[in-house]
């Protein structure tokens, strides 16, 4: 009998513990959530520059001229310091250029970050890359549990299926103990985690572990009219017509609505991948006007045009894997800069 009572107590404690953790997101919402910037401080740097983003999103003030936003593909591709310097010269004042985004692709995380920013600061133009190979997972982003809390975004669940809502709630259950810890002490930061100069990733790395070889050649000079999608350049853009699944498409659509509501000039930038050596067209997964509406810009350079004069042996000097490395970032930024300056300068001179 003693053994039976002991087993019942153990079972009751086990069930109570499970119930405690399953309801912890609700409990934290009732107790009161810490500022969202505190949540960003608790995400490891290898997942993205979240501590810096938290300060830029929630604490700094003023309009942002250009937001370089999205997965690592675009954040590795552009030298934000070079873009900031050139745009400052074009505008005749210091340009506000920030880099934001999480490691790994996923439209739910992108929507969440974008909503956090636009609720606090006005963005004149956003530059995004939406890769063809973006995963089609029906599950939440791998980092969602670190930054999403019940009560942060009451409409986040709207339009999701019961299965998808359960998956998102499960992410909050995983992250709740960490969020509870912030009620006892603030997240600690290491040296340099809030340094904007470290916004760009370190990419002096060779292709898949090969030695890094400096390459200082200049890209071809391309006028913006040849880079921007229009009736005259449509033939160099090829749409694969591979639709996203319902979960990813749900948040892509919400992102598009959010950008229109906040009157953000949207630029979809095609970044060539390491597997596209010699490709003569710009490959896009879907026809983006069907997602973002007609009032946006799509831009890209066919890899064969961008890397004209670069031999097959030299091509991978510009990549570390599917991402551009330091050579590729400098080269690609120089090639795209005239187009970016043209688009961003006109946006920054317009009244919001």
C-alpha atoms as a PDB file:
ATOM      1  CA  UNK A   1       0.000   0.000   0.000  1.00  0.00           C
ATOM      2  CA  UNK A   2       2.866   2.372   0.815  1.00  0.00           C
ATOM      3  CA  UNK A   3       4.284   1.670  -2.620  1.00  0.00           C
ATOM      4  CA  UNK A   4       0.932   2.499  -4.234  1.00  0.00           C
ATOM      5  CA  UNK A   5       0.699   5.819  -2.364  1.00  0.00           C
ATOM      6  CA  UNK A   6       4.292   6.625  -3.316  1.00  0.00           C
ATOM      7  CA  UNK A   7       3.567   5.866  -6.979  1.00  0.00           C
ATOM      8  CA  UNK A   8       0.471   8.049  -6.916  1.00  0.00           C
ATOM      9  CA  UNK A   9       2.412  10.944  -5.409  1.00  0.00           C
ATOM     10  CA  UNK A  10       5.131  10.534  -7.997  1.00  0.00           C
ATOM     11  CA  UNK A  11       2.537  10.453 -10.781  1.00  0.00           C
ATOM     12  CA  UNK A  12       0.788  13.528  -9.376  1.00  0.00           C
ATOM     13  CA  UNK A  13       4.120  15.390  -9.172  1.00  0.00           C
ATOM     14  CA  UNK A  14       4.975  14.360 -12.728  1.00  0.00           C
ATOM     15  CA  UNK A  15       1.589  15.457 -14.100  1.00  0.00           C
ATOM     16  CA  UNK A  16       1.797  18.701 -12.111  1.00  0.00           C
ATOM     17  CA  UNK A  17       5.267  19.427 -13.489  1.00  0.00           C
ATOM     18  CA  UNK A  18       4.135  18.815 -17.057  1.00  0.00           C
ATOM     19  CA  UNK A  19       1.121  21.036 -16.487  1.00  0.00           C
ATOM     20  CA  UNK A  20       3.310  23.767 -14.997  1.00  0.00           C
ATOM     21  CA  UNK A  21       5.570  23.914 -18.037  1.00  0.00           C
ATOM     22  CA  UNK A  22       2.709  23.602 -20.538  1.00  0.00           C
ATOM     23  CA  UNK A  23       0.962  26.590 -18.979  1.00  0.00           C
ATOM     24  CA  UNK A  24       4.098  28.615 -18.262  1.00  0.00           C
ATOM     25  CA  UNK A  25       3.647  30.862 -21.367  1.00  0.00           C
ATOM     26  CA  UNK A  26       0.176  31.818 -20.044  1.00  0.00           C
ATOM     27  CA  UNK A  27       1.533  32.357 -16.537  1.00  0.00           C
ATOM     28  CA  UNK A  28       4.293  34.658 -17.809  1.00  0.00           C
ATOM     29  CA  UNK A  29       1.783  36.709 -19.757  1.00  0.00           C
ATOM     30  CA  UNK A  30      -0.337  37.135 -16.629  1.00  0.00           C
ATOM     31  CA  UNK A  31       2.679  38.007 -14.462  1.00  0.00           C
ATOM     32  CA  UNK A  32       3.910  40.577 -16.966  1.00  0.00           C
ATOM     33  CA  UNK A  33       6.471  40.284 -19.740  1.00  0.00           C
ATOM     34  CA  UNK A  34       9.904  41.852 -19.695  1.00  0.00           C
ATOM     35  CA  UNK A  35      10.666  44.405 -22.456  1.00  0.00           C
ATOM     36  CA  UNK A  36      11.125  42.757 -25.822  1.00  0.00           C
ATOM     37  CA  UNK A  37      14.653  44.150 -26.100  1.00  0.00           C
ATOM     38  CA  UNK A  38      15.560  41.927 -23.139  1.00  0.00           C
ATOM     39  CA  UNK A  39      14.422  38.879 -25.117  1.00  0.00           C
ATOM     40  CA  UNK A  40      16.693  39.821 -28.035  1.00  0.00           C
ATOM     41  CA  UNK A  41      19.640  40.056 -25.652  1.00  0.00           C
ATOM     42  CA  UNK A  42      19.267  36.368 -24.833  1.00  0.00           C
ATOM     43  CA  UNK A  43      19.784  34.979 -28.349  1.00  0.00           C
ATOM     44  CA  UNK A  44      23.285  33.662 -29.170  1.00  0.00           C
ATOM     45  CA  UNK A  45      25.319  35.636 -31.708  1.00  0.00           C
ATOM     46  CA  UNK A  46      25.671  32.650 -34.036  1.00  0.00           C
ATOM     47  CA  UNK A  47      21.907  32.892 -34.607  1.00  0.00           C
ATOM     48  CA  UNK A  48      22.098  36.519 -35.741  1.00  0.00           C
ATOM     49  CA  UNK A  49      23.007  39.889 -34.234  1.00  0.00           C
ATOM     50  CA  UNK A  50      19.968  39.852 -31.949  1.00  0.00           C
ATOM     51  CA  UNK A  51      21.343  41.978 -29.079  1.00  0.00           C
ATOM     52  CA  UNK A  52      22.259  44.702 -31.582  1.00  0.00           C
ATOM     53  CA  UNK A  53      18.875  44.363 -33.300  1.00  0.00           C
ATOM     54  CA  UNK A  54      17.134  44.719 -29.941  1.00  0.00           C
ATOM     55  CA  UNK A  55      18.830  48.055 -29.342  1.00  0.00           C
ATOM     56  CA  UNK A  56      18.220  49.256 -32.907  1.00  0.00           C
ATOM     57  CA  UNK A  57      14.571  48.151 -32.917  1.00  0.00           C
ATOM     58  CA  UNK A  58      13.417  49.272 -29.495  1.00  0.00           C
ATOM     59  CA  UNK A  59      15.825  51.868 -28.118  1.00  0.00           C
ATOM     60  CA  UNK A  60      17.231  53.918 -30.987  1.00  0.00           C
ATOM     61  CA  UNK A  61      15.112  56.604 -32.631  1.00  0.00           C
ATOM     62  CA  UNK A  62      14.771  58.136 -36.075  1.00  0.00           C
ATOM     63  CA  UNK A  63      13.889  56.934 -39.532  1.00  0.00           C
ATOM     64  CA  UNK A  64      15.853  54.172 -41.230  1.00  0.00           C
ATOM     65  CA  UNK A  65      16.848  54.924 -44.819  1.00  0.00           C
ATOM     66  CA  UNK A  66      17.605  51.314 -45.722  1.00  0.00           C
ATOM     67  CA  UNK A  67      16.968  48.043 -43.935  1.00  0.00           C
ATOM     68  CA  UNK A  68      19.018  45.111 -45.254  1.00  0.00           C
ATOM     69  CA  UNK A  69      16.788  42.341 -44.050  1.00  0.00           C
ATOM     70  CA  UNK A  70      16.283  38.609 -44.213  1.00  0.00           C
ATOM     71  CA  UNK A  71      18.172  35.372 -43.971  1.00  0.00           C
ATOM     72  CA  UNK A  72      21.943  35.027 -44.043  1.00  0.00           C
ATOM     73  CA  UNK A  73      22.011  34.952 -47.862  1.00  0.00           C
ATOM     74  CA  UNK A  74      21.456  38.702 -48.181  1.00  0.00           C
ATOM     75  CA  UNK A  75      23.296  39.616 -44.980  1.00  0.00           C
ATOM     76  CA  UNK A  76      26.417  37.867 -46.269  1.00  0.00           C
ATOM     77  CA  UNK A  77      26.029  39.386 -49.738  1.00  0.00           C
ATOM     78  CA  UNK A  78      26.129  43.114 -48.960  1.00  0.00           C
ATOM     79  CA  UNK A  79      28.794  45.247 -47.314  1.00  0.00           C
ATOM     80  CA  UNK A  80      26.602  47.476 -45.157  1.00  0.00           C
ATOM     81  CA  UNK A  81      29.477  49.853 -44.368  1.00  0.00           C
ATOM     82  CA  UNK A  82      30.089  50.471 -48.072  1.00  0.00           C
ATOM     83  CA  UNK A  83      26.358  50.917 -48.720  1.00  0.00           C
ATOM     84  CA  UNK A  84      26.059  53.345 -45.778  1.00  0.00           C
ATOM     85  CA  UNK A  85      29.030  55.437 -46.908  1.00  0.00           C
ATOM     86  CA  UNK A  86      27.865  55.660 -50.523  1.00  0.00           C
ATOM     87  CA  UNK A  87      24.264  56.436 -49.562  1.00  0.00           C
ATOM     88  CA  UNK A  88      25.424  59.146 -47.131  1.00  0.00           C
ATOM     89  CA  UNK A  89      27.302  60.841 -49.966  1.00  0.00           C
ATOM     90  CA  UNK A  90      24.276  60.578 -52.252  1.00  0.00           C
ATOM     91  CA  UNK A  91      21.889  61.987 -49.618  1.00  0.00           C
ATOM     92  CA  UNK A  92      24.271  64.676 -48.347  1.00  0.00           C
ATOM     93  CA  UNK A  93      23.770  63.517 -44.743  1.00  0.00           C
ATOM     94  CA  UNK A  94      24.583  60.467 -42.628  1.00  0.00           C
ATOM     95  CA  UNK A  95      22.435  57.601 -43.899  1.00  0.00           C
ATOM     96  CA  UNK A  96      20.737  55.259 -41.452  1.00  0.00           C
ATOM     97  CA  UNK A  97      21.422  51.744 -42.745  1.00  0.00           C
ATOM     98  CA  UNK A  98      20.925  48.703 -40.537  1.00  0.00           C
ATOM     99  CA  UNK A  99      21.262  44.961 -41.082  1.00  0.00           C
ATOM    100  CA  UNK A 100      18.694  42.668 -39.492  1.00  0.00           C
ATOM    101  CA  UNK A 101      17.608  39.072 -39.723  1.00  0.00           C
ATOM    102  CA  UNK A 102      17.930  35.643 -38.184  1.00  0.00           C
ATOM    103  CA  UNK A 103      20.084  32.718 -39.145  1.00  0.00           C
ATOM    104  CA  UNK A 104      18.223  30.215 -41.333  1.00  0.00           C
ATOM    105  CA  UNK A 105      15.301  31.068 -43.553  1.00  0.00           C
ATOM    106  CA  UNK A 106      11.683  31.066 -42.427  1.00  0.00           C
ATOM    107  CA  UNK A 107       8.933  33.567 -43.152  1.00  0.00           C
ATOM    108  CA  UNK A 108       7.408  33.367 -39.642  1.00  0.00           C
ATOM    109  CA  UNK A 109      10.597  34.662 -38.026  1.00  0.00           C
ATOM    110  CA  UNK A 110      11.057  37.297 -40.719  1.00  0.00           C
ATOM    111  CA  UNK A 111       7.509  38.531 -40.175  1.00  0.00           C
ATOM    112  CA  UNK A 112       7.984  38.637 -36.406  1.00  0.00           C
ATOM    113  CA  UNK A 113      11.221  40.648 -36.631  1.00  0.00           C
ATOM    114  CA  UNK A 114       9.811  43.007 -39.214  1.00  0.00           C
ATOM    115  CA  UNK A 115       6.700  43.664 -37.137  1.00  0.00           C
ATOM    116  CA  UNK A 116       8.793  44.378 -34.036  1.00  0.00           C
ATOM    117  CA  UNK A 117      10.838  46.944 -35.941  1.00  0.00           C
ATOM    118  CA  UNK A 118       8.019  48.679 -37.807  1.00  0.00           C
ATOM    119  CA  UNK A 119       6.023  49.107 -34.601  1.00  0.00           C
ATOM    120  CA  UNK A 120       8.822  51.323 -33.269  1.00  0.00           C
ATOM    121  CA  UNK A 121      10.614  52.924 -36.221  1.00  0.00           C
ATOM    122  CA  UNK A 122       9.800  54.102 -39.724  1.00  0.00           C
ATOM    123  CA  UNK A 123      11.702  52.368 -42.528  1.00  0.00           C
ATOM    124  CA  UNK A 124      11.892  54.115 -45.887  1.00  0.00           C
ATOM    125  CA  UNK A 125      13.206  51.171 -47.911  1.00  0.00           C
ATOM    126  CA  UNK A 126      13.790  47.501 -47.271  1.00  0.00           C
ATOM    127  CA  UNK A 127      16.113  45.254 -49.215  1.00  0.00           C
ATOM    128  CA  UNK A 128      15.285  41.545 -49.001  1.00  0.00           C
ATOM    129  CA  UNK A 129      16.403  38.338 -50.666  1.00  0.00           C
ATOM    130  CA  UNK A 130      13.992  35.412 -50.785  1.00  0.00           C
ATOM    131  CA  UNK A 131      16.071  32.474 -52.026  1.00  0.00           C
ATOM    132  CA  UNK A 132      14.719  29.839 -54.364  1.00  0.00           C
ATOM    133  CA  UNK A 133      15.929  27.185 -51.941  1.00  0.00           C
ATOM    134  CA  UNK A 134      14.147  28.668 -48.909  1.00  0.00           C
ATOM    135  CA  UNK A 135      12.861  25.646 -46.950  1.00  0.00           C
ATOM    136  CA  UNK A 136       9.198  24.683 -47.062  1.00  0.00           C
ATOM    137  CA  UNK A 137       8.881  23.477 -43.508  1.00  0.00           C
ATOM    138  CA  UNK A 138       5.393  23.385 -42.003  1.00  0.00           C
ATOM    139  CA  UNK A 139       7.052  23.833 -38.625  1.00  0.00           C
ATOM    140  CA  UNK A 140       8.081  27.096 -36.963  1.00  0.00           C
ATOM    141  CA  UNK A 141      11.493  28.635 -37.469  1.00  0.00           C
ATOM    142  CA  UNK A 142      14.237  26.941 -35.459  1.00  0.00           C
ATOM    143  CA  UNK A 143      14.780  30.127 -33.389  1.00  0.00           C
ATOM    144  CA  UNK A 144      11.160  31.098 -32.849  1.00  0.00           C
ATOM    145  CA  UNK A 145      11.139  29.676 -29.317  1.00  0.00           C
ATOM    146  CA  UNK A 146      13.835  32.164 -28.305  1.00  0.00           C
ATOM    147  CA  UNK A 147      12.011  35.363 -29.254  1.00  0.00           C
ATOM    148  CA  UNK A 148       8.254  34.723 -29.402  1.00  0.00           C
ATOM    149  CA  UNK A 149       6.157  34.966 -26.248  1.00  0.00           C
ATOM    150  CA  UNK A 150       2.422  34.688 -25.691  1.00  0.00           C
ATOM    151  CA  UNK A 151       1.047  38.206 -25.732  1.00  0.00           C
ATOM    152  CA  UNK A 152       3.741  39.775 -27.917  1.00  0.00           C
ATOM    153  CA  UNK A 153       1.633  39.643 -31.051  1.00  0.00           C
ATOM    154  CA  UNK A 154      -2.045  38.817 -30.374  1.00  0.00           C
ATOM    155  CA  UNK A 155      -2.831  38.320 -34.079  1.00  0.00           C
ATOM    156  CA  UNK A 156       0.077  35.972 -34.775  1.00  0.00           C
ATOM    157  CA  UNK A 157      -2.145  32.867 -34.678  1.00  0.00           C
ATOM    158  CA  UNK A 158      -4.872  34.278 -36.932  1.00  0.00           C
ATOM    159  CA  UNK A 159      -5.299  32.202 -40.078  1.00  0.00           C
ATOM    160  CA  UNK A 160      -3.192  29.257 -38.919  1.00  0.00           C
ATOM    161  CA  UNK A 161      -4.507  25.711 -38.726  1.00  0.00           C
ATOM    162  CA  UNK A 162      -4.939  23.985 -35.354  1.00  0.00           C
ATOM    163  CA  UNK A 163      -1.822  21.912 -36.025  1.00  0.00           C
ATOM    164  CA  UNK A 164       0.224  25.015 -36.859  1.00  0.00           C
ATOM    165  CA  UNK A 165      -1.069  26.855 -33.780  1.00  0.00           C
ATOM    166  CA  UNK A 166      -0.124  23.891 -31.610  1.00  0.00           C
ATOM    167  CA  UNK A 167       3.379  23.866 -33.100  1.00  0.00           C
ATOM    168  CA  UNK A 168       3.845  27.591 -32.417  1.00  0.00           C
ATOM    169  CA  UNK A 169       2.540  27.216 -28.874  1.00  0.00           C
ATOM    170  CA  UNK A 170       4.977  24.340 -28.393  1.00  0.00           C
ATOM    171  CA  UNK A 171       7.803  26.725 -29.321  1.00  0.00           C
ATOM    172  CA  UNK A 172       6.650  29.105 -26.601  1.00  0.00           C
ATOM    173  CA  UNK A 173       6.617  26.264 -24.077  1.00  0.00           C
ATOM    174  CA  UNK A 174      10.230  25.484 -24.992  1.00  0.00           C
ATOM    175  CA  UNK A 175      11.275  29.102 -24.593  1.00  0.00           C
ATOM    176  CA  UNK A 176       9.248  29.926 -21.461  1.00  0.00           C
ATOM    177  CA  UNK A 177      11.842  28.779 -18.868  1.00  0.00           C
ATOM    178  CA  UNK A 178      14.384  31.121 -20.430  1.00  0.00           C
ATOM    179  CA  UNK A 179      11.855  33.959 -20.436  1.00  0.00           C
ATOM    180  CA  UNK A 180      11.051  33.235 -16.795  1.00  0.00           C
ATOM    181  CA  UNK A 181      14.746  33.542 -15.950  1.00  0.00           C
ATOM    182  CA  UNK A 182      14.788  37.113 -17.275  1.00  0.00           C
ATOM    183  CA  UNK A 183      12.342  38.031 -14.500  1.00  0.00           C
ATOM    184  CA  UNK A 184      15.115  37.212 -12.017  1.00  0.00           C
ATOM    185  CA  UNK A 185      18.125  38.688 -13.824  1.00  0.00           C
ATOM    186  CA  UNK A 186      18.843  40.433 -17.148  1.00  0.00           C
ATOM    187  CA  UNK A 187      20.541  38.549 -19.940  1.00  0.00           C
ATOM    188  CA  UNK A 188      24.296  39.089 -19.962  1.00  0.00           C
ATOM    189  CA  UNK A 189      26.136  40.436 -23.012  1.00  0.00           C
ATOM    190  CA  UNK A 190      29.694  39.848 -24.134  1.00  0.00           C
ATOM    191  CA  UNK A 191      32.138  42.410 -25.446  1.00  0.00           C
ATOM    192  CA  UNK A 192      31.207  43.872 -28.822  1.00  0.00           C
ATOM    193  CA  UNK A 193      27.719  42.381 -29.068  1.00  0.00           C
ATOM    194  CA  UNK A 194      26.213  45.877 -29.489  1.00  0.00           C
ATOM    195  CA  UNK A 195      28.867  47.129 -31.925  1.00  0.00           C
ATOM    196  CA  UNK A 196      27.246  48.115 -35.270  1.00  0.00           C
ATOM    197  CA  UNK A 197      30.613  47.652 -36.979  1.00  0.00           C
ATOM    198  CA  UNK A 198      30.183  43.924 -36.384  1.00  0.00           C
ATOM    199  CA  UNK A 199      26.806  43.736 -38.114  1.00  0.00           C
ATOM    200  CA  UNK A 200      28.321  42.138 -41.222  1.00  0.00           C
ATOM    201  CA  UNK A 201      29.399  38.496 -40.801  1.00  0.00           C
ATOM    202  CA  UNK A 202      33.074  37.545 -40.833  1.00  0.00           C
ATOM    203  CA  UNK A 203      33.583  35.844 -44.203  1.00  0.00           C
ATOM    204  CA  UNK A 204      37.278  35.689 -45.042  1.00  0.00           C
ATOM    205  CA  UNK A 205      36.793  31.982 -45.670  1.00  0.00           C
ATOM    206  CA  UNK A 206      37.469  29.816 -48.701  1.00  0.00           C
ATOM    207  CA  UNK A 207      34.906  27.627 -50.428  1.00  0.00           C
ATOM    208  CA  UNK A 208      33.953  24.736 -48.128  1.00  0.00           C
ATOM    209  CA  UNK A 209      37.152  24.973 -46.119  1.00  0.00           C
ATOM    210  CA  UNK A 210      39.570  25.686 -48.957  1.00  0.00           C
ATOM    211  CA  UNK A 211      42.225  28.381 -48.401  1.00  0.00           C
ATOM    212  CA  UNK A 212      40.908  31.921 -48.817  1.00  0.00           C
ATOM    213  CA  UNK A 213      42.409  33.588 -51.917  1.00  0.00           C
ATOM    214  CA  UNK A 214      42.131  37.368 -52.191  1.00  0.00           C
ATOM    215  CA  UNK A 215      40.480  38.552 -55.409  1.00  0.00           C
ATOM    216  CA  UNK A 216      40.277  42.304 -55.978  1.00  0.00           C
ATOM    217  CA  UNK A 217      38.921  42.451 -59.524  1.00  0.00           C
ATOM    218  CA  UNK A 218      36.129  44.921 -60.264  1.00  0.00           C
ATOM    219  CA  UNK A 219      32.658  43.792 -61.427  1.00  0.00           C
ATOM    220  CA  UNK A 220      31.129  44.956 -64.701  1.00  0.00           C
ATOM    221  CA  UNK A 221      29.575  48.428 -64.634  1.00  0.00           C
ATOM    222  CA  UNK A 222      25.818  47.898 -65.038  1.00  0.00           C
ATOM    223  CA  UNK A 223      23.246  50.694 -65.290  1.00  0.00           C
ATOM    224  CA  UNK A 224      20.266  50.363 -62.925  1.00  0.00           C
ATOM    225  CA  UNK A 225      17.891  49.995 -65.863  1.00  0.00           C
ATOM    226  CA  UNK A 226      19.573  46.692 -66.775  1.00  0.00           C
ATOM    227  CA  UNK A 227      19.316  45.319 -63.233  1.00  0.00           C
ATOM    228  CA  UNK A 228      15.753  46.287 -62.275  1.00  0.00           C
ATOM    229  CA  UNK A 229      12.882  44.092 -63.455  1.00  0.00           C
ATOM    230  CA  UNK A 230      10.788  45.832 -66.127  1.00  0.00           C
ATOM    231  CA  UNK A 231       9.160  45.065 -69.448  1.00  0.00           C
ATOM    232  CA  UNK A 232      12.526  45.568 -71.164  1.00  0.00           C
ATOM    233  CA  UNK A 233      14.430  43.222 -68.801  1.00  0.00           C
ATOM    234  CA  UNK A 234      11.696  40.633 -68.167  1.00  0.00           C
ATOM    235  CA  UNK A 235      13.353  38.145 -70.527  1.00  0.00           C
ATOM    236  CA  UNK A 236      16.371  37.813 -68.195  1.00  0.00           C
ATOM    237  CA  UNK A 237      14.158  36.837 -65.234  1.00  0.00           C
ATOM    238  CA  UNK A 238      12.862  33.267 -65.144  1.00  0.00           C
ATOM    239  CA  UNK A 239      10.131  32.304 -62.681  1.00  0.00           C
ATOM    240  CA  UNK A 240      10.241  28.691 -61.498  1.00  0.00           C
ATOM    241  CA  UNK A 241       6.614  28.746 -60.284  1.00  0.00           C
ATOM    242  CA  UNK A 242       7.350  26.591 -57.248  1.00  0.00           C
ATOM    243  CA  UNK A 243       4.731  27.682 -54.696  1.00  0.00           C
ATOM    244  CA  UNK A 244       5.411  27.876 -50.981  1.00  0.00           C
ATOM    245  CA  UNK A 245       3.415  25.724 -48.593  1.00  0.00           C
ATOM    246  CA  UNK A 246       0.507  27.224 -46.687  1.00  0.00           C
ATOM    247  CA  UNK A 247       2.496  27.982 -43.513  1.00  0.00           C
ATOM    248  CA  UNK A 248       5.337  29.839 -45.257  1.00  0.00           C
ATOM    249  CA  UNK A 249       2.957  31.589 -47.649  1.00  0.00           C
ATOM    250  CA  UNK A 250       0.769  32.738 -44.760  1.00  0.00           C
ATOM    251  CA  UNK A 251       3.600  34.760 -43.246  1.00  0.00           C
ATOM    252  CA  UNK A 252       4.966  35.970 -46.573  1.00  0.00           C
ATOM    253  CA  UNK A 253       1.536  37.430 -47.288  1.00  0.00           C
ATOM    254  CA  UNK A 254       1.358  39.027 -43.850  1.00  0.00           C
ATOM    255  CA  UNK A 255       4.807  40.490 -44.390  1.00  0.00           C
ATOM    256  CA  UNK A 256       3.657  42.028 -47.657  1.00  0.00           C
ATOM    257  CA  UNK A 257       0.591  43.543 -45.955  1.00  0.00           C
ATOM    258  CA  UNK A 258       2.772  44.929 -43.156  1.00  0.00           C
ATOM    259  CA  UNK A 259       5.133  46.607 -45.617  1.00  0.00           C
ATOM    260  CA  UNK A 260       2.248  48.197 -47.508  1.00  0.00           C
ATOM    261  CA  UNK A 261       0.614  49.430 -44.303  1.00  0.00           C
ATOM    262  CA  UNK A 262       3.844  51.125 -43.230  1.00  0.00           C
ATOM    263  CA  UNK A 263       4.564  52.464 -46.717  1.00  0.00           C
ATOM    264  CA  UNK A 264       7.973  50.845 -46.991  1.00  0.00           C
ATOM    265  CA  UNK A 265       9.546  50.742 -50.419  1.00  0.00           C
ATOM    266  CA  UNK A 266      10.273  47.041 -50.950  1.00  0.00           C
ATOM    267  CA  UNK A 267      13.181  45.784 -53.035  1.00  0.00           C
ATOM    268  CA  UNK A 268      13.483  42.049 -53.686  1.00  0.00           C
ATOM    269  CA  UNK A 269      17.110  41.365 -54.479  1.00  0.00           C
ATOM    270  CA  UNK A 270      18.299  38.210 -56.229  1.00  0.00           C
ATOM    271  CA  UNK A 271      21.606  36.939 -54.821  1.00  0.00           C
ATOM    272  CA  UNK A 272      23.329  34.371 -57.091  1.00  0.00           C
ATOM    273  CA  UNK A 273      24.205  31.050 -55.493  1.00  0.00           C
ATOM    274  CA  UNK A 274      27.306  28.908 -55.735  1.00  0.00           C
ATOM    275  CA  UNK A 275      25.471  26.410 -57.968  1.00  0.00           C
ATOM    276  CA  UNK A 276      24.633  29.029 -60.622  1.00  0.00           C
ATOM    277  CA  UNK A 277      27.981  29.427 -62.323  1.00  0.00           C
ATOM    278  CA  UNK A 278      27.370  30.348 -65.964  1.00  0.00           C
ATOM    279  CA  UNK A 279      23.588  30.711 -65.611  1.00  0.00           C
ATOM    280  CA  UNK A 280      22.404  33.372 -68.065  1.00  0.00           C
ATOM    281  CA  UNK A 281      19.148  34.344 -66.337  1.00  0.00           C
ATOM    282  CA  UNK A 282      17.965  35.510 -62.920  1.00  0.00           C
ATOM    283  CA  UNK A 283      16.032  32.641 -61.377  1.00  0.00           C
ATOM    284  CA  UNK A 284      13.137  33.443 -59.037  1.00  0.00           C
ATOM    285  CA  UNK A 285      10.933  30.964 -57.261  1.00  0.00           C
ATOM    286  CA  UNK A 286       7.631  32.790 -57.787  1.00  0.00           C
ATOM    287  CA  UNK A 287       6.425  35.932 -59.514  1.00  0.00           C
ATOM    288  CA  UNK A 288       6.802  38.282 -56.555  1.00  0.00           C
ATOM    289  CA  UNK A 289       4.230  40.895 -57.689  1.00  0.00           C
ATOM    290  CA  UNK A 290       1.600  38.251 -56.963  1.00  0.00           C
ATOM    291  CA  UNK A 291       2.763  38.279 -53.323  1.00  0.00           C
ATOM    292  CA  UNK A 292       3.890  41.842 -52.639  1.00  0.00           C
ATOM    293  CA  UNK A 293       1.685  43.707 -55.094  1.00  0.00           C
ATOM    294  CA  UNK A 294       2.762  45.941 -57.959  1.00  0.00           C
ATOM    295  CA  UNK A 295       4.401  48.699 -55.898  1.00  0.00           C
ATOM    296  CA  UNK A 296       7.752  47.070 -55.293  1.00  0.00           C
ATOM    297  CA  UNK A 297      11.022  46.541 -57.135  1.00  0.00           C
ATOM    298  CA  UNK A 298      12.652  43.286 -58.173  1.00  0.00           C
ATOM    299  CA  UNK A 299      16.335  43.407 -59.090  1.00  0.00           C
ATOM    300  CA  UNK A 300      18.994  40.918 -60.081  1.00  0.00           C
ATOM    301  CA  UNK A 301      21.982  40.259 -62.305  1.00  0.00           C
ATOM    302  CA  UNK A 302      22.344  36.999 -64.265  1.00  0.00           C
ATOM    303  CA  UNK A 303      25.353  35.154 -62.825  1.00  0.00           C
ATOM    304  CA  UNK A 304      26.982  34.867 -66.254  1.00  0.00           C
ATOM    305  CA  UNK A 305      26.779  38.656 -66.590  1.00  0.00           C
ATOM    306  CA  UNK A 306      27.890  39.384 -63.036  1.00  0.00           C
ATOM    307  CA  UNK A 307      30.898  37.049 -63.192  1.00  0.00           C
ATOM    308  CA  UNK A 308      31.860  37.760 -66.795  1.00  0.00           C
ATOM    309  CA  UNK A 309      35.586  37.165 -67.167  1.00  0.00           C
ATOM    310  CA  UNK A 310      35.749  34.934 -64.072  1.00  0.00           C
ATOM    311  CA  UNK A 311      36.897  31.444 -65.013  1.00  0.00           C
ATOM    312  CA  UNK A 312      35.253  28.286 -63.703  1.00  0.00           C
ATOM    313  CA  UNK A 313      38.333  27.681 -61.548  1.00  0.00           C
ATOM    314  CA  UNK A 314      38.114  31.183 -60.054  1.00  0.00           C
ATOM    315  CA  UNK A 315      34.343  31.288 -59.558  1.00  0.00           C
ATOM    316  CA  UNK A 316      34.324  29.692 -56.093  1.00  0.00           C
ATOM    317  CA  UNK A 317      36.849  32.221 -54.812  1.00  0.00           C
ATOM    318  CA  UNK A 318      33.752  34.360 -54.228  1.00  0.00           C
ATOM    319  CA  UNK A 319      31.876  31.844 -52.043  1.00  0.00           C
ATOM    320  CA  UNK A 320      32.283  30.115 -48.708  1.00  0.00           C
ATOM    321  CA  UNK A 321      29.326  27.752 -49.376  1.00  0.00           C
ATOM    322  CA  UNK A 322      26.009  28.943 -50.825  1.00  0.00           C
ATOM    323  CA  UNK A 323      26.872  32.306 -49.223  1.00  0.00           C
ATOM    324  CA  UNK A 324      29.209  34.875 -50.715  1.00  0.00           C
ATOM    325  CA  UNK A 325      32.484  35.300 -48.833  1.00  0.00           C
ATOM    326  CA  UNK A 326      34.528  38.504 -48.357  1.00  0.00           C
ATOM    327  CA  UNK A 327      35.555  38.537 -52.042  1.00  0.00           C
ATOM    328  CA  UNK A 328      31.971  37.958 -53.143  1.00  0.00           C
ATOM    329  CA  UNK A 329      30.542  40.555 -50.779  1.00  0.00           C
ATOM    330  CA  UNK A 330      32.866  43.295 -52.020  1.00  0.00           C
ATOM    331  CA  UNK A 331      32.330  42.289 -55.666  1.00  0.00           C
ATOM    332  CA  UNK A 332      28.547  41.923 -55.468  1.00  0.00           C
ATOM    333  CA  UNK A 333      28.099  45.126 -53.462  1.00  0.00           C
ATOM    334  CA  UNK A 334      30.122  47.099 -56.010  1.00  0.00           C
ATOM    335  CA  UNK A 335      28.029  45.683 -58.853  1.00  0.00           C
ATOM    336  CA  UNK A 336      24.690  46.431 -57.171  1.00  0.00           C
ATOM    337  CA  UNK A 337      25.591  49.771 -55.582  1.00  0.00           C
ATOM    338  CA  UNK A 338      24.490  52.082 -58.457  1.00  0.00           C
ATOM    339  CA  UNK A 339      21.067  50.410 -58.484  1.00  0.00           C
ATOM    340  CA  UNK A 340      20.703  50.473 -54.692  1.00  0.00           C
ATOM    341  CA  UNK A 341      21.694  54.144 -54.513  1.00  0.00           C
ATOM    342  CA  UNK A 342      19.193  55.042 -57.199  1.00  0.00           C
ATOM    343  CA  UNK A 343      16.347  53.210 -55.453  1.00  0.00           C
ATOM    344  CA  UNK A 344      17.164  54.170 -51.857  1.00  0.00           C
ATOM    345  CA  UNK A 345      17.970  57.820 -52.520  1.00  0.00           C
ATOM    346  CA  UNK A 346      14.586  58.351 -54.138  1.00  0.00           C
ATOM    347  CA  UNK A 347      12.853  56.655 -51.191  1.00  0.00           C
ATOM    348  CA  UNK A 348      14.747  58.710 -48.609  1.00  0.00           C
ATOM    349  CA  UNK A 349      13.877  61.965 -50.342  1.00  0.00           C
ATOM    350  CA  UNK A 350      10.163  61.145 -50.220  1.00  0.00           C
ATOM    351  CA  UNK A 351       8.132  62.113 -47.174  1.00  0.00           C
ATOM    352  CA  UNK A 352       6.822  59.102 -45.220  1.00  0.00           C
END
